[in-house]
N, C-alpha and C. Protein backbone atom coordinates (compact mmCIF):
# COMPACT_ATOMS: atom_id res chain seq x y z
N MET A 1 0.75 -1.30 0.07
CA MET A 1 0.00 0.19 -0.05
C MET A 1 0.95 1.37 -0.13
N THR A 2 0.53 2.19 -0.86
CA THR A 2 1.33 3.46 -0.94
C THR A 2 0.60 4.67 -0.28
N SER A 3 1.43 5.61 0.56
CA SER A 3 0.90 6.67 1.07
C SER A 3 0.73 7.79 -0.02
N ARG A 4 -0.36 8.43 0.06
CA ARG A 4 -0.60 9.65 -0.81
C ARG A 4 0.23 10.77 -0.20
N ILE A 5 1.09 11.38 -1.04
CA ILE A 5 1.75 12.65 -0.49
C ILE A 5 0.68 13.88 -0.88
N ALA A 6 0.50 14.43 0.35
CA ALA A 6 -0.41 15.66 0.13
C ALA A 6 0.54 16.85 0.18
N ARG A 7 0.00 18.00 -0.22
CA ARG A 7 0.78 19.29 0.05
C ARG A 7 0.31 19.61 1.44
N LEU A 8 1.54 20.15 2.20
CA LEU A 8 1.53 20.39 3.62
C LEU A 8 1.39 21.93 3.67
N ARG A 9 0.28 22.34 4.59
CA ARG A 9 0.07 23.72 5.00
C ARG A 9 1.15 24.25 5.99
N PRO A 10 2.41 24.84 5.46
CA PRO A 10 3.40 25.01 6.50
C PRO A 10 3.10 25.67 7.58
N THR A 11 3.84 25.50 8.59
CA THR A 11 3.53 26.29 10.03
C THR A 11 5.07 26.83 10.17
N ALA A 12 5.21 27.84 10.82
CA ALA A 12 6.44 28.30 11.09
C ALA A 12 7.46 27.23 11.67
N ASP A 13 7.16 26.37 12.37
CA ASP A 13 8.23 25.18 12.73
C ASP A 13 8.41 24.38 11.57
N PHE A 14 7.43 24.22 10.74
CA PHE A 14 7.71 23.50 9.52
C PHE A 14 8.73 24.24 8.51
N LEU A 15 8.64 25.40 8.44
CA LEU A 15 9.48 26.07 7.51
C LEU A 15 10.98 26.38 8.05
N THR A 16 10.98 26.53 9.48
CA THR A 16 12.31 26.70 10.00
C THR A 16 12.66 25.78 10.82
N PRO A 17 13.61 24.79 10.52
CA PRO A 17 14.11 23.78 11.47
C PRO A 17 14.84 24.44 12.34
N ARG A 18 14.78 23.79 13.77
CA ARG A 18 15.56 23.93 14.56
C ARG A 18 16.90 23.88 14.74
N PRO A 19 18.01 24.67 14.68
CA PRO A 19 19.28 24.08 14.62
C PRO A 19 19.92 24.16 16.26
N SER A 20 20.76 23.29 16.19
CA SER A 20 21.56 22.87 17.62
C SER A 20 22.78 22.16 17.08
N ARG A 21 23.61 21.98 18.26
CA ARG A 21 24.87 21.25 18.08
C ARG A 21 24.50 19.64 17.96
N PRO A 22 25.00 18.96 17.17
CA PRO A 22 24.83 17.45 17.30
C PRO A 22 25.56 16.68 18.33
N HIS A 23 24.99 15.86 18.84
CA HIS A 23 25.62 14.82 19.95
C HIS A 23 26.74 13.98 19.25
N MET A 24 27.96 14.55 19.39
CA MET A 24 28.81 13.58 18.62
C MET A 24 30.19 13.31 19.66
N PRO A 25 30.09 12.49 20.81
CA PRO A 25 30.96 12.49 21.64
C PRO A 25 32.31 11.78 21.13
N GLY A 26 33.56 12.49 21.57
CA GLY A 26 34.90 12.24 21.24
C GLY A 26 35.41 13.03 19.76
N TYR A 27 34.36 13.66 19.30
CA TYR A 27 34.66 14.57 18.05
C TYR A 27 35.36 15.92 18.38
N GLY A 28 35.34 16.65 19.56
CA GLY A 28 35.65 17.89 20.13
C GLY A 28 34.64 19.00 19.71
N LEU A 29 33.65 18.77 19.38
CA LEU A 29 32.73 19.75 18.99
C LEU A 29 32.63 20.97 20.10
N LEU A 30 33.01 22.15 19.73
CA LEU A 30 32.66 23.11 20.61
C LEU A 30 31.15 23.44 20.84
N PRO A 31 30.85 24.02 22.09
CA PRO A 31 29.59 24.38 22.33
C PRO A 31 29.03 25.60 21.28
N SER A 32 27.76 25.64 20.81
CA SER A 32 27.37 26.51 19.95
C SER A 32 27.64 27.87 20.01
N ASP A 33 28.04 28.30 21.20
CA ASP A 33 28.40 29.73 21.45
C ASP A 33 29.75 29.88 21.25
N GLN A 34 30.72 29.02 20.90
CA GLN A 34 31.97 29.16 20.80
C GLN A 34 32.33 28.93 19.13
N GLY A 35 33.71 29.33 18.74
CA GLY A 35 33.75 28.95 17.43
C GLY A 35 32.91 29.76 16.60
N SER A 36 32.77 29.39 15.39
CA SER A 36 31.85 30.07 14.35
C SER A 36 30.26 29.93 14.48
N GLY A 37 30.04 29.02 15.31
CA GLY A 37 28.60 29.19 15.58
C GLY A 37 28.03 27.97 14.75
N LEU A 38 26.63 28.09 14.90
CA LEU A 38 25.79 27.07 14.15
C LEU A 38 25.56 27.37 12.67
N LEU A 39 25.67 26.52 11.81
CA LEU A 39 25.38 26.78 10.25
C LEU A 39 24.03 27.35 9.90
N PRO A 40 23.68 28.32 9.10
CA PRO A 40 22.54 28.71 8.64
C PRO A 40 21.67 27.34 7.85
N TRP A 41 20.28 27.35 8.03
CA TRP A 41 19.56 26.68 7.13
C TRP A 41 19.86 26.45 5.77
N LYS A 42 20.31 27.97 5.12
CA LYS A 42 20.14 28.11 3.63
C LYS A 42 21.40 27.34 3.39
N TRP A 43 22.55 27.22 4.27
CA TRP A 43 23.64 26.56 3.78
C TRP A 43 23.50 24.95 3.44
N ALA A 44 22.42 24.35 4.31
CA ALA A 44 22.28 23.00 3.90
C ALA A 44 21.32 22.87 2.70
N GLU A 45 20.39 23.94 2.72
CA GLU A 45 19.32 23.81 1.47
C GLU A 45 20.01 23.91 0.12
N ALA A 46 21.13 24.96 0.22
CA ALA A 46 21.95 25.02 -1.01
C ALA A 46 22.58 23.83 -1.56
N ARG A 47 23.03 23.19 -0.68
CA ARG A 47 24.04 21.74 -0.98
C ARG A 47 22.91 20.76 -1.25
N LEU A 48 21.76 20.68 -0.66
CA LEU A 48 20.48 19.68 -1.09
C LEU A 48 20.22 19.98 -2.47
N GLN A 49 19.93 21.38 -2.79
CA GLN A 49 19.58 21.64 -4.11
C GLN A 49 20.49 21.33 -5.12
N ARG A 50 22.08 21.57 -4.99
CA ARG A 50 22.91 21.88 -5.95
C ARG A 50 23.63 20.20 -6.06
N ALA A 51 23.66 19.44 -5.21
CA ALA A 51 24.25 18.16 -5.19
C ALA A 51 23.73 17.55 -6.59
N HIS A 52 24.50 16.85 -7.16
CA HIS A 52 24.19 16.09 -8.59
C HIS A 52 23.74 14.70 -8.11
N THR A 53 24.58 13.98 -7.45
CA THR A 53 24.64 12.47 -7.12
C THR A 53 24.21 12.43 -5.41
N TYR A 54 23.25 11.84 -4.96
CA TYR A 54 23.02 11.64 -3.59
C TYR A 54 23.17 10.06 -3.34
N TRP A 55 23.55 9.87 -2.23
CA TRP A 55 23.64 8.55 -1.52
C TRP A 55 22.39 8.24 -0.77
N ILE A 56 21.78 7.16 -0.78
CA ILE A 56 20.70 6.78 -0.22
C ILE A 56 20.78 5.33 0.59
N ALA A 57 20.54 5.45 1.85
CA ALA A 57 20.72 4.25 2.79
C ALA A 57 19.36 3.71 3.13
N THR A 58 19.00 2.38 2.64
CA THR A 58 17.89 1.97 3.35
C THR A 58 18.17 0.43 3.97
N ALA A 59 17.26 0.11 4.71
CA ALA A 59 17.45 -1.07 5.39
C ALA A 59 16.18 -1.90 5.40
N SER A 60 16.35 -3.36 5.16
CA SER A 60 15.21 -4.46 5.65
C SER A 60 15.92 -5.56 5.64
N GLY A 61 16.54 -5.80 6.97
CA GLY A 61 17.19 -6.92 7.14
C GLY A 61 18.79 -6.69 7.08
N ARG A 62 19.20 -6.42 5.86
CA ARG A 62 20.50 -6.15 5.63
C ARG A 62 20.51 -4.62 5.21
N PRO A 63 21.59 -3.70 5.50
CA PRO A 63 21.70 -2.40 4.90
C PRO A 63 22.12 -2.45 3.29
N HIS A 64 21.58 -1.25 2.72
CA HIS A 64 21.83 -1.32 1.07
C HIS A 64 22.00 0.22 1.03
N VAL A 65 22.96 0.65 0.37
CA VAL A 65 23.23 1.91 -0.03
C VAL A 65 23.74 2.09 -1.62
N MET A 66 22.95 3.13 -2.24
CA MET A 66 23.10 3.43 -3.69
C MET A 66 23.28 4.91 -3.98
N PRO A 67 23.80 5.15 -5.19
CA PRO A 67 23.60 6.48 -5.53
C PRO A 67 22.54 6.66 -6.28
N VAL A 68 21.84 7.89 -6.15
CA VAL A 68 20.63 8.11 -6.93
C VAL A 68 20.85 9.61 -7.44
N TRP A 69 19.82 9.96 -8.40
CA TRP A 69 19.82 11.42 -8.88
C TRP A 69 18.36 11.85 -8.13
N GLY A 70 18.28 13.02 -7.78
CA GLY A 70 17.18 13.33 -7.12
C GLY A 70 17.07 14.87 -6.98
N VAL A 71 16.02 15.52 -6.52
CA VAL A 71 15.95 17.11 -6.36
C VAL A 71 15.32 17.46 -5.01
N TRP A 72 15.58 18.50 -4.56
CA TRP A 72 14.82 19.07 -3.24
C TRP A 72 13.82 19.84 -3.50
N MET A 73 12.59 19.48 -3.34
CA MET A 73 11.31 20.15 -3.68
C MET A 73 10.50 20.14 -2.59
N ASN A 74 9.85 21.09 -2.26
CA ASN A 74 8.72 21.13 -1.27
C ASN A 74 9.40 20.68 0.14
N LEU A 75 10.49 21.13 0.36
CA LEU A 75 11.28 20.77 1.76
C LEU A 75 11.28 19.46 2.08
N ALA A 76 11.56 18.64 0.89
CA ALA A 76 11.76 17.24 1.03
C ALA A 76 12.67 16.79 -0.28
N PHE A 77 13.26 15.57 -0.10
CA PHE A 77 13.96 15.22 -1.16
C PHE A 77 13.28 14.03 -2.05
N TRP A 78 13.20 14.24 -3.18
CA TRP A 78 12.46 13.26 -4.24
C TRP A 78 13.60 12.75 -5.10
N PHE A 79 13.21 11.49 -5.37
CA PHE A 79 13.90 10.66 -6.38
C PHE A 79 13.07 9.46 -6.88
N SER A 80 13.46 8.97 -7.93
CA SER A 80 12.81 7.92 -8.81
C SER A 80 13.90 6.55 -8.52
N THR A 81 13.07 5.53 -8.73
CA THR A 81 13.84 4.23 -8.69
C THR A 81 12.89 3.17 -9.29
N GLY A 82 13.67 2.08 -9.62
CA GLY A 82 12.65 0.98 -10.40
C GLY A 82 11.79 0.19 -9.17
N ALA A 83 10.40 -0.12 -9.44
CA ALA A 83 9.72 -0.71 -8.75
C ALA A 83 10.39 -2.05 -8.06
N ARG A 84 11.13 -2.86 -8.63
CA ARG A 84 11.68 -3.89 -8.22
C ARG A 84 13.11 -3.81 -7.66
N SER A 85 13.57 -2.72 -7.55
CA SER A 85 14.87 -2.47 -7.20
C SER A 85 14.96 -2.64 -5.48
N ARG A 86 16.32 -2.89 -5.01
CA ARG A 86 16.39 -3.22 -3.54
C ARG A 86 15.91 -1.99 -2.89
N LYS A 87 16.04 -0.66 -3.31
CA LYS A 87 15.74 0.43 -2.52
C LYS A 87 14.22 0.23 -2.32
N ALA A 88 13.48 0.13 -3.38
CA ALA A 88 11.95 0.02 -3.53
C ALA A 88 11.48 -1.21 -2.37
N ARG A 89 11.99 -2.09 -2.40
CA ARG A 89 11.80 -3.23 -1.79
C ARG A 89 12.02 -2.95 -0.19
N ASN A 90 13.01 -2.34 -0.08
CA ASN A 90 13.47 -1.79 1.42
C ASN A 90 12.54 -0.73 1.79
N LEU A 91 12.15 0.05 1.23
CA LEU A 91 11.20 1.35 1.69
C LEU A 91 9.85 0.66 1.85
N LYS A 92 9.47 -0.35 1.14
CA LYS A 92 8.17 -0.70 1.49
C LYS A 92 8.00 -1.41 2.71
N THR A 93 9.12 -2.06 3.02
CA THR A 93 9.08 -2.70 4.32
C THR A 93 9.45 -1.84 5.55
N ASN A 94 10.39 -1.10 5.16
CA ASN A 94 10.89 0.00 6.22
C ASN A 94 11.25 1.33 5.53
N PRO A 95 10.41 2.29 5.90
CA PRO A 95 10.37 3.54 5.09
C PRO A 95 11.52 4.66 5.53
N ARG A 96 12.03 4.39 6.67
CA ARG A 96 13.24 4.99 7.26
C ARG A 96 14.34 4.91 6.52
N CYS A 97 15.15 5.86 6.28
CA CYS A 97 16.41 5.98 5.31
C CYS A 97 17.28 7.37 5.60
N VAL A 98 18.22 7.38 5.01
CA VAL A 98 19.17 8.40 5.08
C VAL A 98 19.66 8.67 3.77
N VAL A 99 19.75 10.04 3.44
CA VAL A 99 20.19 10.42 2.25
C VAL A 99 21.32 11.42 2.55
N ALA A 100 22.52 11.27 1.61
CA ALA A 100 23.47 12.19 2.00
C ALA A 100 24.07 12.70 0.51
N CYS A 101 24.31 13.85 0.47
CA CYS A 101 25.04 14.51 -0.86
C CYS A 101 26.22 13.78 -1.05
N GLU A 102 26.53 14.10 -2.45
CA GLU A 102 27.93 13.40 -2.90
C GLU A 102 29.07 13.88 -2.25
N ARG A 103 29.21 15.04 -1.73
CA ARG A 103 30.35 15.64 -1.37
C ARG A 103 30.88 15.17 -0.11
N ALA A 104 32.13 14.90 0.28
CA ALA A 104 32.77 14.52 1.50
C ALA A 104 33.01 15.86 2.31
N ARG A 105 33.20 16.86 1.76
CA ARG A 105 33.44 18.15 2.41
C ARG A 105 32.32 19.01 2.35
N GLY A 106 31.97 19.52 3.31
CA GLY A 106 30.62 20.41 3.38
C GLY A 106 29.43 19.50 3.15
N GLN A 107 29.37 18.59 3.87
CA GLN A 107 28.39 17.33 3.74
C GLN A 107 27.23 17.74 4.46
N VAL A 108 26.10 17.37 3.92
CA VAL A 108 24.82 17.33 4.45
C VAL A 108 24.23 15.97 4.45
N VAL A 109 23.54 15.42 5.77
CA VAL A 109 23.12 14.23 5.93
C VAL A 109 21.68 14.40 6.38
N LEU A 110 20.78 13.70 5.67
CA LEU A 110 19.45 13.84 6.02
C LEU A 110 18.86 12.45 6.47
N GLU A 111 18.22 12.41 7.50
CA GLU A 111 17.57 11.32 8.23
C GLU A 111 16.02 11.51 8.05
N GLY A 112 15.24 10.61 7.45
CA GLY A 112 13.93 10.76 7.32
C GLY A 112 13.08 9.63 7.03
N THR A 113 11.94 9.83 6.50
CA THR A 113 10.95 8.78 6.23
C THR A 113 10.56 9.04 4.69
N ALA A 114 10.50 8.03 3.94
CA ALA A 114 10.24 7.88 2.49
C ALA A 114 8.84 7.65 2.38
N ARG A 115 7.98 8.06 1.43
CA ARG A 115 6.61 7.79 1.20
C ARG A 115 6.49 7.88 -0.37
N ARG A 116 5.83 6.81 -0.93
CA ARG A 116 5.84 6.71 -2.41
C ARG A 116 4.66 7.94 -2.84
N ASN A 117 5.07 8.68 -3.81
CA ASN A 117 4.12 9.89 -4.35
C ASN A 117 3.05 9.20 -5.17
N ALA A 118 1.89 9.60 -4.96
CA ALA A 118 0.79 9.28 -5.80
C ALA A 118 -0.06 10.38 -6.39
N ASP A 119 0.55 11.60 -6.21
CA ASP A 119 -0.12 12.68 -6.78
C ASP A 119 0.62 13.11 -8.09
N ARG A 120 -0.37 13.08 -9.15
CA ARG A 120 0.03 13.25 -10.57
C ARG A 120 0.62 14.71 -10.70
N LYS A 121 -0.01 15.66 -10.18
CA LYS A 121 0.45 17.12 -10.23
C LYS A 121 2.03 17.18 -9.62
N LEU A 122 2.06 16.63 -8.55
CA LEU A 122 3.40 16.52 -7.78
C LEU A 122 4.45 15.89 -8.67
N TRP A 123 3.97 14.82 -9.30
CA TRP A 123 4.88 13.89 -10.12
C TRP A 123 5.35 14.83 -11.20
N LYS A 124 4.50 15.57 -11.86
CA LYS A 124 4.91 16.59 -13.23
C LYS A 124 5.85 17.85 -12.52
N GLU A 125 5.45 18.13 -11.35
CA GLU A 125 6.66 19.16 -10.74
C GLU A 125 7.77 18.60 -10.57
N PHE A 126 7.93 17.38 -10.05
CA PHE A 126 9.50 16.78 -9.94
C PHE A 126 9.85 16.51 -11.15
N ALA A 127 9.01 15.87 -12.10
CA ALA A 127 9.76 15.65 -13.58
C ALA A 127 10.07 16.79 -14.05
N ALA A 128 9.76 17.99 -13.88
CA ALA A 128 10.17 19.26 -14.56
C ALA A 128 11.49 19.55 -13.92
N LEU A 129 11.35 19.50 -12.62
CA LEU A 129 12.68 19.89 -11.97
C LEU A 129 13.94 18.98 -12.25
N TYR A 130 13.59 17.68 -12.46
CA TYR A 130 14.69 16.71 -12.74
C TYR A 130 15.07 16.78 -14.23
N ARG A 131 14.17 17.24 -15.14
CA ARG A 131 14.55 17.40 -16.46
C ARG A 131 15.66 18.67 -16.63
N ARG A 132 15.28 19.74 -15.79
CA ARG A 132 16.12 20.90 -15.85
C ARG A 132 17.59 20.58 -15.14
N LYS A 133 17.42 19.97 -14.17
CA LYS A 133 18.49 19.62 -13.51
C LYS A 133 19.60 18.60 -14.21
N TYR A 134 18.88 17.58 -14.75
CA TYR A 134 19.96 16.39 -15.31
C TYR A 134 19.62 16.21 -16.86
N ASN A 135 19.03 17.15 -17.40
CA ASN A 135 18.67 17.15 -18.78
C ASN A 135 18.27 15.59 -19.19
N PHE A 136 17.26 14.99 -18.32
CA PHE A 136 16.87 13.52 -18.62
C PHE A 136 15.31 13.83 -18.47
N ASP A 137 14.66 13.25 -19.53
CA ASP A 137 13.06 13.36 -19.23
C ASP A 137 12.59 12.07 -18.77
N LEU A 138 11.88 12.19 -17.81
CA LEU A 138 11.16 10.70 -17.12
C LEU A 138 9.93 10.40 -18.06
N SER A 139 9.55 11.19 -18.95
CA SER A 139 8.27 10.76 -19.66
C SER A 139 8.29 9.20 -20.05
N GLY A 140 7.18 8.72 -19.86
CA GLY A 140 7.23 7.12 -20.17
C GLY A 140 7.68 6.37 -18.89
N MET A 141 7.93 7.00 -17.88
CA MET A 141 8.65 6.30 -16.61
C MET A 141 7.59 6.63 -15.58
N GLU A 142 6.35 6.92 -15.89
CA GLU A 142 5.42 7.42 -14.69
C GLU A 142 4.90 6.30 -13.92
N ALA A 143 5.18 4.95 -14.19
CA ALA A 143 4.79 3.84 -13.58
C ALA A 143 5.90 3.55 -12.47
N GLU A 144 6.94 3.87 -12.63
CA GLU A 144 8.09 3.55 -11.64
C GLU A 144 7.83 4.54 -10.35
N PRO A 145 8.14 4.23 -9.33
CA PRO A 145 7.93 4.98 -8.13
C PRO A 145 8.83 6.13 -8.06
N VAL A 146 8.25 7.28 -7.39
CA VAL A 146 9.00 8.23 -7.26
C VAL A 146 8.53 8.58 -5.47
N TYR A 147 9.53 8.63 -4.55
CA TYR A 147 9.61 8.85 -3.42
C TYR A 147 10.05 9.96 -2.82
N VAL A 148 9.36 10.35 -1.77
CA VAL A 148 9.58 11.82 -1.08
C VAL A 148 10.21 11.46 0.20
N VAL A 149 11.39 11.76 0.55
CA VAL A 149 11.89 11.71 1.81
C VAL A 149 11.94 13.06 2.67
N THR A 150 10.98 12.95 3.66
CA THR A 150 10.60 14.10 4.43
C THR A 150 11.68 13.94 5.70
N PRO A 151 12.40 14.74 5.84
CA PRO A 151 13.48 14.96 7.01
C PRO A 151 12.88 15.07 8.12
N ASP A 152 13.48 14.15 9.22
CA ASP A 152 13.15 14.36 10.63
C ASP A 152 14.42 15.17 11.39
N VAL A 153 15.54 14.83 10.69
CA VAL A 153 16.85 15.61 11.19
C VAL A 153 17.69 15.66 9.93
N VAL A 154 18.49 16.91 10.00
CA VAL A 154 19.41 16.93 8.96
C VAL A 154 20.90 17.48 9.69
N PHE A 155 21.85 16.90 9.33
CA PHE A 155 23.16 17.36 9.84
C PHE A 155 23.99 18.09 8.63
N GLY A 156 24.70 19.04 9.19
CA GLY A 156 25.62 20.05 8.39
C GLY A 156 26.86 19.73 8.84
N LEU A 157 27.91 19.56 8.10
CA LEU A 157 29.35 19.17 8.56
C LEU A 157 30.35 19.98 7.68
N SER A 158 30.61 21.24 8.15
CA SER A 158 31.27 22.13 7.16
C SER A 158 32.76 21.84 7.01
N GLU A 159 33.38 21.84 6.00
CA GLU A 159 34.60 21.58 5.85
C GLU A 159 35.79 22.53 6.36
N LYS A 160 35.12 23.84 6.47
CA LYS A 160 35.93 24.82 6.91
C LYS A 160 36.27 24.98 8.46
N ASP A 161 35.24 24.64 9.38
CA ASP A 161 35.36 24.56 10.89
C ASP A 161 34.38 23.36 11.34
N PHE A 162 34.90 22.23 11.25
CA PHE A 162 34.25 21.10 11.81
C PHE A 162 33.59 21.32 13.14
N VAL A 163 34.63 21.37 13.92
CA VAL A 163 34.18 21.51 15.40
C VAL A 163 33.52 22.58 16.06
N GLY A 164 33.81 23.67 15.33
CA GLY A 164 32.92 24.97 15.63
C GLY A 164 31.55 25.18 14.87
N SER A 165 31.33 24.42 13.92
CA SER A 165 30.15 24.63 13.10
C SER A 165 29.22 23.39 12.77
N ALA A 166 29.41 22.21 13.20
CA ALA A 166 28.55 21.20 13.12
C ALA A 166 27.30 21.48 13.55
N THR A 167 26.34 21.25 12.69
CA THR A 167 24.92 21.71 13.15
C THR A 167 23.96 20.67 12.88
N ARG A 168 22.91 20.28 13.68
CA ARG A 168 21.71 19.58 13.40
C ARG A 168 20.54 20.36 13.46
N TRP A 169 19.71 20.22 12.43
CA TRP A 169 18.42 20.74 12.26
C TRP A 169 17.53 20.05 12.47
N SER A 170 16.40 20.19 13.55
CA SER A 170 15.24 19.23 13.86
C SER A 170 14.05 19.83 13.27
N PHE A 171 13.31 18.92 12.69
CA PHE A 171 11.78 19.16 12.04
C PHE A 171 10.74 18.79 12.83
N ALA A 172 10.70 19.00 14.08
CA ALA A 172 9.88 18.57 14.96
C ALA A 172 8.26 19.15 14.51
N GLY A 173 8.22 20.39 14.02
CA GLY A 173 7.11 21.09 13.72
C GLY A 173 6.43 20.04 12.37
N ARG A 174 7.21 19.26 11.85
CA ARG A 174 6.43 18.82 10.51
C ARG A 174 5.41 17.57 11.23
N LYS A 175 5.42 17.09 12.40
CA LYS A 175 4.63 16.31 13.00
C LYS A 175 3.26 17.24 13.20
N ARG A 176 3.34 18.38 13.31
CA ARG A 176 2.14 19.32 13.59
C ARG A 176 1.42 19.83 12.40
N ALA A 177 2.25 19.90 11.19
CA ALA A 177 1.76 20.31 10.25
C ALA A 177 0.31 19.74 9.77
N SER A 178 -0.30 20.71 9.36
CA SER A 178 -1.84 19.83 8.79
C SER A 178 -1.84 19.73 7.48
N ARG A 179 -2.72 18.71 7.11
CA ARG A 179 -2.81 18.18 5.70
C ARG A 179 -3.84 19.40 4.92
N ALA A 180 -3.39 19.79 3.81
CA ALA A 180 -4.26 20.58 2.83
C ALA A 180 -5.39 19.53 2.34
């Protein structure tokens, strides 16, 4: 059974995730009031939008990691995959997953829940962004699943000041967002 992705009516909490310092014992992270401080959310969003390739980790029994192409749209990560792929089979059993941008420096890691999109209008919006980004037409692939990964938490790890700027953004307000 697939979950229908509905447009969310954003609340202030939904639009602005709460930044904090991640809990990373042994890494020497400075308190958020020392060093350069927490990274702004726009830093993470820019990397989520610009990355070419993303790594997605799924699990159902054994872990599985694969590169995918995707887009950052409507405050979520969208990607397509084959209906019989390991990713799709894993997500059907366990929708929890992790998405990371291709870069090791200036990294963004998103932990969230994937749902299969069933909204034709949103599929068209996704396909248009995908075509502009990758010069690849998804026409004729409408039967293959498109997943929407809604973040619970996003981590930002700057290449310039790791110990002073490592940031964790929490999306606690998403649970309170109302469905349109």
